[in-house]
Amino acid sequence: MQRLSSNLTLFFKIFLPVSWVSFFGFFGLVIFLIDPTDEPFLTSNMFRMTYVCCFAVFLTLIYFTIFQLKRVETSDGFIYTTNYFKTVRFSIDNIKKISVMNLGITRIARMHLHKKGLFGSKIPFMAKRSSLQSFKNSYPNIQIGD
């Protein structure tokens, strides 16, 4: 089985959101539960509302970007896609194209499908450069854009 997604997917998909929500969620609880005479700046209404708004914005941003990443593997003419809870198998013939966006440190790829599956018609993943090139050589009929 050949993995097309990077090992960093697990870090960004599971560890980063869980640790971020845990740390900043706990801090949010603290600023609402501490005594206002101990920390007057942290308990001001302006700071609390600003913190809650920023927490909500970043939580939404994490959900719609990082949390949508999938792990993608290929074997024997099939693509296996998982969100670490469910795994879906579909034929490589279902792939319309793979678009790649280079972010400097990493590359985000989006697999466009002919038919919508359990994870939708576009599956985002962090591309492993060497595996994606090997996949491109194995299946030249699939358009992989850089």
N, C-alpha and C. Protein backbone atom coordinates (compact mmCIF):
# COMPACT_ATOMS: atom_id res chain seq x y z
N MET A 1 0.85 -1.17 0.00
CA MET A 1 0.00 0.00 0.00
C MET A 1 0.89 1.23 0.00
N GLN A 2 0.59 2.17 -0.89
CA GLN A 2 1.38 3.39 -1.02
C GLN A 2 0.59 4.56 -0.43
N ARG A 3 1.21 5.27 0.51
CA ARG A 3 0.57 6.41 1.14
C ARG A 3 0.84 7.67 0.34
N LEU A 4 -0.21 8.39 -0.04
CA LEU A 4 -0.06 9.65 -0.77
C LEU A 4 -0.02 10.85 0.16
N SER A 5 -0.56 10.70 1.34
CA SER A 5 -0.58 11.81 2.28
C SER A 5 0.64 11.77 3.20
N SER A 6 0.97 12.90 3.75
CA SER A 6 2.14 13.05 4.60
C SER A 6 1.87 12.53 6.01
N ASN A 7 2.94 12.19 6.72
CA ASN A 7 2.81 11.80 8.12
C ASN A 7 2.34 12.95 9.00
N LEU A 8 2.55 14.18 8.55
CA LEU A 8 2.11 15.35 9.31
C LEU A 8 0.60 15.46 9.41
N THR A 9 -0.11 14.69 8.57
CA THR A 9 -1.57 14.73 8.60
C THR A 9 -2.09 14.36 9.97
N LEU A 10 -1.53 13.35 10.58
CA LEU A 10 -1.97 12.94 11.92
C LEU A 10 -1.75 14.05 12.94
N PHE A 11 -0.61 14.72 12.86
CA PHE A 11 -0.33 15.83 13.77
C PHE A 11 -1.34 16.95 13.60
N PHE A 12 -1.57 17.37 12.34
CA PHE A 12 -2.47 18.49 12.09
C PHE A 12 -3.94 18.12 12.29
N LYS A 13 -4.30 16.89 12.02
CA LYS A 13 -5.70 16.48 12.10
C LYS A 13 -6.14 16.17 13.52
N ILE A 14 -5.27 15.55 14.31
CA ILE A 14 -5.66 15.11 15.65
C ILE A 14 -4.99 15.93 16.75
N PHE A 15 -3.66 15.95 16.78
CA PHE A 15 -2.94 16.55 17.90
C PHE A 15 -3.16 18.06 17.99
N LEU A 16 -2.98 18.78 16.91
CA LEU A 16 -3.08 20.24 16.94
C LEU A 16 -4.46 20.73 17.37
N PRO A 17 -5.57 20.26 16.77
CA PRO A 17 -6.88 20.75 17.23
C PRO A 17 -7.20 20.36 18.68
N VAL A 18 -6.85 19.14 19.08
CA VAL A 18 -7.17 18.70 20.44
C VAL A 18 -6.38 19.53 21.46
N SER A 19 -5.10 19.72 21.21
CA SER A 19 -4.30 20.50 22.17
C SER A 19 -4.70 21.97 22.16
N TRP A 20 -5.01 22.51 21.00
CA TRP A 20 -5.40 23.92 20.92
C TRP A 20 -6.71 24.16 21.66
N VAL A 21 -7.71 23.32 21.38
CA VAL A 21 -9.02 23.48 22.04
C VAL A 21 -8.89 23.24 23.54
N SER A 22 -8.10 22.27 23.94
CA SER A 22 -7.93 21.99 25.37
C SER A 22 -7.29 23.16 26.09
N PHE A 23 -6.18 23.66 25.56
CA PHE A 23 -5.46 24.74 26.24
C PHE A 23 -6.28 26.03 26.26
N PHE A 24 -6.73 26.47 25.09
CA PHE A 24 -7.43 27.75 25.03
C PHE A 24 -8.86 27.66 25.58
N GLY A 25 -9.47 26.48 25.53
CA GLY A 25 -10.78 26.31 26.16
C GLY A 25 -10.67 26.37 27.67
N PHE A 26 -9.64 25.73 28.21
CA PHE A 26 -9.42 25.79 29.65
C PHE A 26 -9.11 27.22 30.10
N PHE A 27 -8.29 27.93 29.31
CA PHE A 27 -7.98 29.32 29.64
C PHE A 27 -9.25 30.17 29.61
N GLY A 28 -10.14 29.89 28.65
CA GLY A 28 -11.42 30.61 28.59
C GLY A 28 -12.26 30.38 29.82
N LEU A 29 -12.27 29.14 30.30
CA LEU A 29 -13.00 28.86 31.54
C LEU A 29 -12.38 29.61 32.71
N VAL A 30 -11.08 29.65 32.75
CA VAL A 30 -10.38 30.32 33.85
C VAL A 30 -10.73 31.80 33.90
N ILE A 31 -10.74 32.47 32.76
CA ILE A 31 -11.01 33.93 32.80
C ILE A 31 -12.45 34.22 33.20
N PHE A 32 -13.33 33.24 33.08
CA PHE A 32 -14.70 33.46 33.54
C PHE A 32 -14.91 33.02 34.99
N LEU A 33 -14.01 32.21 35.52
CA LEU A 33 -14.20 31.70 36.88
C LEU A 33 -13.32 32.36 37.94
N ILE A 34 -12.26 33.08 37.55
CA ILE A 34 -11.39 33.67 38.57
C ILE A 34 -12.05 34.90 39.20
N ASP A 35 -11.56 35.24 40.35
CA ASP A 35 -12.07 36.39 41.10
C ASP A 35 -11.59 37.68 40.43
N PRO A 36 -12.50 38.61 40.12
CA PRO A 36 -12.12 39.86 39.45
C PRO A 36 -11.11 40.71 40.23
N THR A 37 -11.03 40.54 41.53
CA THR A 37 -10.06 41.34 42.30
C THR A 37 -8.65 40.80 42.14
N ASP A 38 -8.49 39.52 41.78
CA ASP A 38 -7.16 38.93 41.60
C ASP A 38 -6.52 39.39 40.29
N GLU A 39 -7.26 39.32 39.21
CA GLU A 39 -6.75 39.69 37.87
C GLU A 39 -7.76 40.62 37.18
N PRO A 40 -7.66 41.92 37.41
CA PRO A 40 -8.66 42.82 36.85
C PRO A 40 -8.64 42.89 35.31
N PHE A 41 -7.47 42.73 34.70
CA PHE A 41 -7.41 42.81 33.24
C PHE A 41 -8.08 41.60 32.60
N LEU A 42 -7.79 40.41 33.12
CA LEU A 42 -8.35 39.18 32.54
C LEU A 42 -9.85 39.05 32.75
N THR A 43 -10.40 39.73 33.74
CA THR A 43 -11.82 39.59 34.02
C THR A 43 -12.65 40.78 33.51
N SER A 44 -12.02 41.69 32.78
CA SER A 44 -12.81 42.79 32.23
C SER A 44 -13.71 42.25 31.12
N ASN A 45 -14.88 42.85 30.99
CA ASN A 45 -15.84 42.37 29.99
C ASN A 45 -15.30 42.51 28.57
N MET A 46 -14.53 43.54 28.31
CA MET A 46 -13.96 43.74 26.98
C MET A 46 -12.99 42.61 26.63
N PHE A 47 -12.12 42.24 27.57
CA PHE A 47 -11.18 41.15 27.33
C PHE A 47 -11.91 39.83 27.15
N ARG A 48 -12.91 39.56 27.99
CA ARG A 48 -13.65 38.31 27.90
C ARG A 48 -14.35 38.17 26.55
N MET A 49 -15.02 39.20 26.11
CA MET A 49 -15.75 39.13 24.83
C MET A 49 -14.79 39.02 23.65
N THR A 50 -13.67 39.74 23.73
CA THR A 50 -12.66 39.64 22.67
C THR A 50 -12.09 38.22 22.62
N TYR A 51 -11.83 37.65 23.78
CA TYR A 51 -11.28 36.30 23.84
C TYR A 51 -12.27 35.29 23.27
N VAL A 52 -13.53 35.39 23.67
CA VAL A 52 -14.54 34.45 23.18
C VAL A 52 -14.70 34.57 21.67
N CYS A 53 -14.71 35.78 21.14
CA CYS A 53 -14.83 35.97 19.68
C CYS A 53 -13.63 35.40 18.95
N CYS A 54 -12.43 35.66 19.45
CA CYS A 54 -11.22 35.11 18.81
C CYS A 54 -11.20 33.59 18.89
N PHE A 55 -11.61 33.03 20.03
CA PHE A 55 -11.67 31.58 20.19
C PHE A 55 -12.64 30.98 19.17
N ALA A 56 -13.80 31.60 19.01
CA ALA A 56 -14.80 31.10 18.06
C ALA A 56 -14.31 31.21 16.61
N VAL A 57 -13.64 32.31 16.28
CA VAL A 57 -13.12 32.48 14.92
C VAL A 57 -12.05 31.44 14.61
N PHE A 58 -11.11 31.25 15.52
CA PHE A 58 -10.05 30.27 15.28
C PHE A 58 -10.58 28.84 15.31
N LEU A 59 -11.55 28.55 16.13
CA LEU A 59 -12.16 27.23 16.14
C LEU A 59 -12.87 26.94 14.82
N THR A 60 -13.55 27.93 14.29
CA THR A 60 -14.20 27.79 12.98
C THR A 60 -13.16 27.62 11.88
N LEU A 61 -12.10 28.39 11.95
CA LEU A 61 -11.02 28.29 10.96
C LEU A 61 -10.38 26.90 11.00
N ILE A 62 -10.11 26.38 12.17
CA ILE A 62 -9.54 25.04 12.30
C ILE A 62 -10.49 24.00 11.74
N TYR A 63 -11.78 24.14 12.02
CA TYR A 63 -12.75 23.16 11.54
C TYR A 63 -12.82 23.12 10.02
N PHE A 64 -12.85 24.28 9.39
CA PHE A 64 -13.02 24.32 7.95
C PHE A 64 -11.72 24.16 7.16
N THR A 65 -10.57 24.14 7.81
CA THR A 65 -9.32 23.95 7.09
C THR A 65 -8.61 22.68 7.55
N ILE A 66 -8.02 22.71 8.70
CA ILE A 66 -7.19 21.61 9.19
C ILE A 66 -8.00 20.34 9.44
N PHE A 67 -9.17 20.47 10.02
CA PHE A 67 -9.96 19.31 10.40
C PHE A 67 -10.52 18.56 9.19
N GLN A 68 -10.53 19.17 8.02
CA GLN A 68 -11.05 18.53 6.82
C GLN A 68 -10.03 17.63 6.14
N LEU A 69 -8.75 17.68 6.57
CA LEU A 69 -7.71 16.87 5.94
C LEU A 69 -7.98 15.38 6.13
N LYS A 70 -7.63 14.60 5.11
CA LYS A 70 -7.80 13.16 5.14
C LYS A 70 -6.47 12.47 4.91
N ARG A 71 -6.39 11.20 5.27
CA ARG A 71 -5.23 10.37 4.96
C ARG A 71 -5.60 9.57 3.72
N VAL A 72 -4.72 9.56 2.72
CA VAL A 72 -5.01 8.91 1.45
C VAL A 72 -3.92 7.90 1.13
N GLU A 73 -4.35 6.68 0.79
CA GLU A 73 -3.44 5.60 0.40
C GLU A 73 -3.98 4.95 -0.86
N THR A 74 -3.11 4.31 -1.61
CA THR A 74 -3.52 3.63 -2.83
C THR A 74 -2.94 2.22 -2.86
N SER A 75 -3.73 1.30 -3.43
CA SER A 75 -3.28 -0.08 -3.57
C SER A 75 -4.19 -0.81 -4.55
N ASP A 76 -3.58 -1.51 -5.50
CA ASP A 76 -4.30 -2.39 -6.44
C ASP A 76 -5.47 -1.71 -7.14
N GLY A 77 -5.29 -0.51 -7.63
CA GLY A 77 -6.33 0.18 -8.39
C GLY A 77 -7.41 0.83 -7.55
N PHE A 78 -7.20 0.91 -6.25
CA PHE A 78 -8.17 1.54 -5.36
C PHE A 78 -7.50 2.63 -4.54
N ILE A 79 -8.29 3.59 -4.14
CA ILE A 79 -7.86 4.66 -3.23
C ILE A 79 -8.56 4.43 -1.90
N TYR A 80 -7.80 4.46 -0.83
CA TYR A 80 -8.35 4.33 0.52
C TYR A 80 -8.20 5.68 1.20
N THR A 81 -9.32 6.23 1.62
CA THR A 81 -9.34 7.54 2.26
C THR A 81 -9.91 7.37 3.66
N THR A 82 -9.23 7.97 4.63
CA THR A 82 -9.70 7.86 6.01
C THR A 82 -9.62 9.20 6.72
N ASN A 83 -10.54 9.39 7.65
CA ASN A 83 -10.48 10.55 8.54
C ASN A 83 -10.08 10.08 9.94
N TYR A 84 -9.47 8.89 10.03
CA TYR A 84 -9.00 8.23 11.24
C TYR A 84 -10.14 7.64 12.07
N PHE A 85 -11.38 7.75 11.61
CA PHE A 85 -12.52 7.10 12.24
C PHE A 85 -13.23 6.18 11.25
N LYS A 86 -13.34 6.63 10.00
CA LYS A 86 -13.97 5.85 8.93
C LYS A 86 -12.99 5.76 7.77
N THR A 87 -13.02 4.62 7.08
CA THR A 87 -12.19 4.44 5.89
C THR A 87 -13.10 4.12 4.71
N VAL A 88 -12.85 4.79 3.59
CA VAL A 88 -13.65 4.61 2.38
C VAL A 88 -12.73 4.14 1.27
N ARG A 89 -13.19 3.14 0.51
CA ARG A 89 -12.44 2.64 -0.64
C ARG A 89 -13.22 2.97 -1.90
N PHE A 90 -12.52 3.52 -2.89
CA PHE A 90 -13.14 3.74 -4.19
C PHE A 90 -12.11 3.53 -5.28
N SER A 91 -12.59 3.32 -6.49
CA SER A 91 -11.72 3.01 -7.62
C SER A 91 -10.93 4.25 -8.05
N ILE A 92 -9.73 3.99 -8.55
CA ILE A 92 -8.91 5.10 -9.06
C ILE A 92 -9.57 5.74 -10.28
N ASP A 93 -10.43 5.00 -10.98
CA ASP A 93 -11.15 5.55 -12.13
C ASP A 93 -12.09 6.68 -11.72
N ASN A 94 -12.45 6.76 -10.45
CA ASN A 94 -13.35 7.81 -9.96
C ASN A 94 -12.64 9.15 -9.80
N ILE A 95 -11.31 9.18 -9.90
CA ILE A 95 -10.57 10.43 -9.74
C ILE A 95 -10.60 11.21 -11.05
N LYS A 96 -11.08 12.44 -10.97
CA LYS A 96 -11.10 13.33 -12.12
C LYS A 96 -9.74 14.00 -12.28
N LYS A 97 -9.25 14.59 -11.22
CA LYS A 97 -7.93 15.24 -11.21
C LYS A 97 -7.49 15.45 -9.77
N ILE A 98 -6.22 15.77 -9.62
CA ILE A 98 -5.67 16.13 -8.31
C ILE A 98 -5.00 17.49 -8.47
N SER A 99 -5.50 18.47 -7.74
CA SER A 99 -4.89 19.80 -7.78
C SER A 99 -4.00 19.94 -6.55
N VAL A 100 -2.85 20.58 -6.74
CA VAL A 100 -1.86 20.71 -5.67
C VAL A 100 -1.56 22.19 -5.45
N MET A 101 -1.56 22.59 -4.17
CA MET A 101 -1.21 23.95 -3.80
C MET A 101 0.04 23.90 -2.93
N ASN A 102 1.10 24.55 -3.38
CA ASN A 102 2.36 24.56 -2.65
C ASN A 102 2.34 25.69 -1.63
N LEU A 103 2.50 25.34 -0.35
CA LEU A 103 2.51 26.34 0.72
C LEU A 103 3.90 26.60 1.28
N GLY A 104 4.92 26.14 0.58
CA GLY A 104 6.29 26.33 1.04
C GLY A 104 6.74 25.16 1.91
N ILE A 105 6.22 25.08 3.11
CA ILE A 105 6.59 24.01 4.02
C ILE A 105 5.96 22.69 3.59
N THR A 106 4.73 22.75 3.19
CA THR A 106 3.98 21.55 2.81
C THR A 106 3.18 21.80 1.55
N ARG A 107 2.60 20.76 1.03
CA ARG A 107 1.76 20.86 -0.16
C ARG A 107 0.39 20.30 0.19
N ILE A 108 -0.64 21.08 -0.09
CA ILE A 108 -2.01 20.63 0.12
C ILE A 108 -2.57 20.21 -1.23
N ALA A 109 -3.01 18.97 -1.30
CA ALA A 109 -3.60 18.44 -2.53
C ALA A 109 -5.10 18.27 -2.33
N ARG A 110 -5.83 18.39 -3.42
CA ARG A 110 -7.28 18.20 -3.37
C ARG A 110 -7.64 17.24 -4.49
N MET A 111 -8.18 16.09 -4.12
CA MET A 111 -8.57 15.08 -5.08
C MET A 111 -10.02 15.35 -5.50
N HIS A 112 -10.24 15.60 -6.79
CA HIS A 112 -11.56 15.86 -7.33
C HIS A 112 -12.11 14.55 -7.89
N LEU A 113 -13.31 14.17 -7.46
CA LEU A 113 -13.90 12.90 -7.86
C LEU A 113 -15.04 13.10 -8.86
N HIS A 114 -15.26 12.09 -9.70
CA HIS A 114 -16.40 12.13 -10.63
C HIS A 114 -17.72 12.00 -9.88
N LYS A 115 -17.77 11.05 -8.93
CA LYS A 115 -18.98 10.80 -8.15
C LYS A 115 -18.71 11.16 -6.69
N LYS A 116 -19.69 11.79 -6.09
CA LYS A 116 -19.56 12.19 -4.69
C LYS A 116 -19.56 10.95 -3.79
N GLY A 117 -18.65 10.92 -2.84
CA GLY A 117 -18.55 9.81 -1.90
C GLY A 117 -18.93 10.24 -0.50
N LEU A 118 -18.56 9.43 0.47
CA LEU A 118 -18.86 9.72 1.87
C LEU A 118 -18.20 11.01 2.34
N PHE A 119 -16.99 11.30 1.85
CA PHE A 119 -16.26 12.51 2.24
C PHE A 119 -16.46 13.65 1.25
N GLY A 120 -17.39 13.53 0.33
CA GLY A 120 -17.67 14.59 -0.63
C GLY A 120 -17.00 14.33 -1.97
N SER A 121 -17.07 15.33 -2.85
CA SER A 121 -16.50 15.19 -4.18
C SER A 121 -15.09 15.76 -4.27
N LYS A 122 -14.64 16.46 -3.23
CA LYS A 122 -13.28 16.98 -3.17
C LYS A 122 -12.67 16.56 -1.84
N ILE A 123 -11.56 15.84 -1.92
CA ILE A 123 -10.92 15.31 -0.71
C ILE A 123 -9.57 15.98 -0.53
N PRO A 124 -9.43 16.84 0.50
CA PRO A 124 -8.14 17.50 0.74
C PRO A 124 -7.20 16.62 1.57
N PHE A 125 -5.92 16.68 1.24
CA PHE A 125 -4.91 15.95 2.02
C PHE A 125 -3.57 16.64 1.87
N MET A 126 -2.68 16.41 2.85
CA MET A 126 -1.32 16.94 2.79
C MET A 126 -0.51 15.96 1.96
N ALA A 127 -0.04 16.41 0.82
CA ALA A 127 0.61 15.51 -0.13
C ALA A 127 2.06 15.24 0.25
N LYS A 128 2.43 13.99 0.14
CA LYS A 128 3.81 13.57 0.28
C LYS A 128 4.42 13.65 -1.12
N ARG A 129 5.41 14.49 -1.30
CA ARG A 129 5.95 14.82 -2.62
C ARG A 129 6.40 13.59 -3.41
N SER A 130 7.17 12.72 -2.81
CA SER A 130 7.70 11.56 -3.53
C SER A 130 6.60 10.57 -3.92
N SER A 131 5.65 10.35 -3.04
CA SER A 131 4.56 9.42 -3.34
C SER A 131 3.63 9.96 -4.41
N LEU A 132 3.40 11.26 -4.39
CA LEU A 132 2.55 11.87 -5.41
C LEU A 132 3.20 11.77 -6.78
N GLN A 133 4.52 11.94 -6.85
CA GLN A 133 5.23 11.81 -8.12
C GLN A 133 5.18 10.35 -8.60
N SER A 134 5.35 9.41 -7.70
CA SER A 134 5.26 7.99 -8.05
C SER A 134 3.85 7.64 -8.54
N PHE A 135 2.83 8.19 -7.90
CA PHE A 135 1.45 7.97 -8.32
C PHE A 135 1.21 8.55 -9.71
N LYS A 136 1.78 9.72 -9.96
CA LYS A 136 1.66 10.36 -11.27
C LYS A 136 2.30 9.50 -12.36
N ASN A 137 3.43 8.87 -12.06
CA ASN A 137 4.09 7.99 -13.02
C ASN A 137 3.30 6.71 -13.24
N SER A 138 2.64 6.20 -12.20
CA SER A 138 1.87 4.96 -12.31
C SER A 138 0.55 5.16 -13.06
N TYR A 139 -0.06 6.33 -12.91
CA TYR A 139 -1.35 6.62 -13.54
C TYR A 139 -1.24 7.92 -14.33
N PRO A 140 -0.65 7.87 -15.54
CA PRO A 140 -0.46 9.09 -16.31
C PRO A 140 -1.74 9.71 -16.85
N ASN A 141 -2.83 8.95 -16.86
CA ASN A 141 -4.10 9.49 -17.37
C ASN A 141 -4.78 10.42 -16.37
N ILE A 142 -4.36 10.40 -15.11
CA ILE A 142 -4.93 11.30 -14.09
C ILE A 142 -4.13 12.59 -14.07
N GLN A 143 -4.81 13.68 -14.25
CA GLN A 143 -4.17 14.99 -14.28
C GLN A 143 -3.81 15.42 -12.86
N ILE A 144 -2.52 15.65 -12.63
CA ILE A 144 -2.03 16.14 -11.34
C ILE A 144 -1.39 17.49 -11.59
N GLY A 145 -2.03 18.55 -11.11
CA GLY A 145 -1.55 19.90 -11.36
C GLY A 145 -0.75 20.44 -10.22
N ASP A 146 0.32 21.16 -10.55
CA ASP A 146 1.16 21.80 -9.52
C ASP A 146 0.88 23.27 -9.45
